[in-house]
């Protein structure tokens, strides 16, 4: 299974815009907040692996 890294670029109601940080890309991915950890805020770094998002510890 692949692993991807994201940063929460913005929150918009029930959705979050995620920006890939493991590659050079300006595209944002729109994800339902129900699929993300409830503690997220703008700037939170996430790891996506095995169809699950996890907050990356700094």
Protein backbone atom coordinates (compact mmCIF):
# COMPACT_ATOMS: atom_id res chain seq x y z
CA UNK A 1 0.00 0.00 0.00
CA UNK A 2 1.24 3.50 -0.80
CA UNK A 3 1.82 6.20 1.79
CA UNK A 4 1.05 9.87 1.07
CA UNK A 5 1.70 12.99 3.13
CA UNK A 6 -0.60 16.01 3.26
CA UNK A 7 -1.02 19.33 5.03
CA UNK A 8 -4.44 20.80 5.79
CA UNK A 9 -4.52 23.89 3.56
CA UNK A 10 -7.98 25.08 4.61
CA UNK A 11 -11.19 23.99 6.28
CA UNK A 12 -14.53 24.65 4.61
CA UNK A 13 -17.52 23.46 6.61
CA UNK A 14 -17.70 19.67 6.44
CA UNK A 15 -14.69 19.47 4.10
CA UNK A 16 -10.95 20.03 4.25
CA UNK A 17 -8.61 20.96 1.41
CA UNK A 18 -5.42 18.91 1.62
CA UNK A 19 -2.13 19.70 -0.14
CA UNK A 20 0.38 16.94 -0.92
CA UNK A 21 3.72 17.56 0.76
CA UNK A 22 5.64 14.50 -0.44
CA UNK A 23 5.64 15.72 -4.06
CA UNK A 24 5.67 19.12 -5.77
CA UNK A 25 2.01 19.84 -6.49
CA UNK A 26 -0.25 22.87 -6.21
CA UNK A 27 -3.43 20.78 -6.51
CA UNK A 28 -5.71 20.47 -3.50
CA UNK A 29 -7.64 17.35 -2.56
CA UNK A 30 -11.14 17.89 -1.12
CA UNK A 31 -11.83 15.41 1.69
CA UNK A 32 -14.85 15.06 3.97
CA UNK A 33 -13.87 15.97 7.54
CA UNK A 34 -15.66 12.83 8.76
CA UNK A 35 -12.77 10.84 7.24
CA UNK A 36 -10.12 12.89 9.07
CA UNK A 37 -9.08 12.97 12.74
CA UNK A 38 -11.37 15.39 14.64
CA UNK A 39 -8.41 17.40 16.05
CA UNK A 40 -7.29 18.77 12.67
CA UNK A 41 -6.87 22.47 12.00
CA UNK A 42 -5.22 24.47 9.23
CA UNK A 43 -1.55 23.52 9.01
CA UNK A 44 -1.99 20.03 10.50
CA UNK A 45 0.27 17.47 8.83
CA UNK A 46 -1.31 14.14 7.94
CA UNK A 47 -0.17 10.73 6.76
CA UNK A 48 -2.50 8.69 4.54
CA UNK A 49 -1.85 4.96 4.63
CA UNK A 50 -4.09 1.90 4.40
CA UNK A 51 -7.10 4.12 3.54
CA UNK A 52 -6.76 6.03 6.82
CA UNK A 53 -5.56 9.53 7.75
CA UNK A 54 -3.33 9.97 10.80
CA UNK A 55 -1.92 13.16 12.34
CA UNK A 56 1.87 13.35 12.07
CA UNK A 57 3.61 14.21 15.34
CA UNK A 58 6.04 17.11 15.01
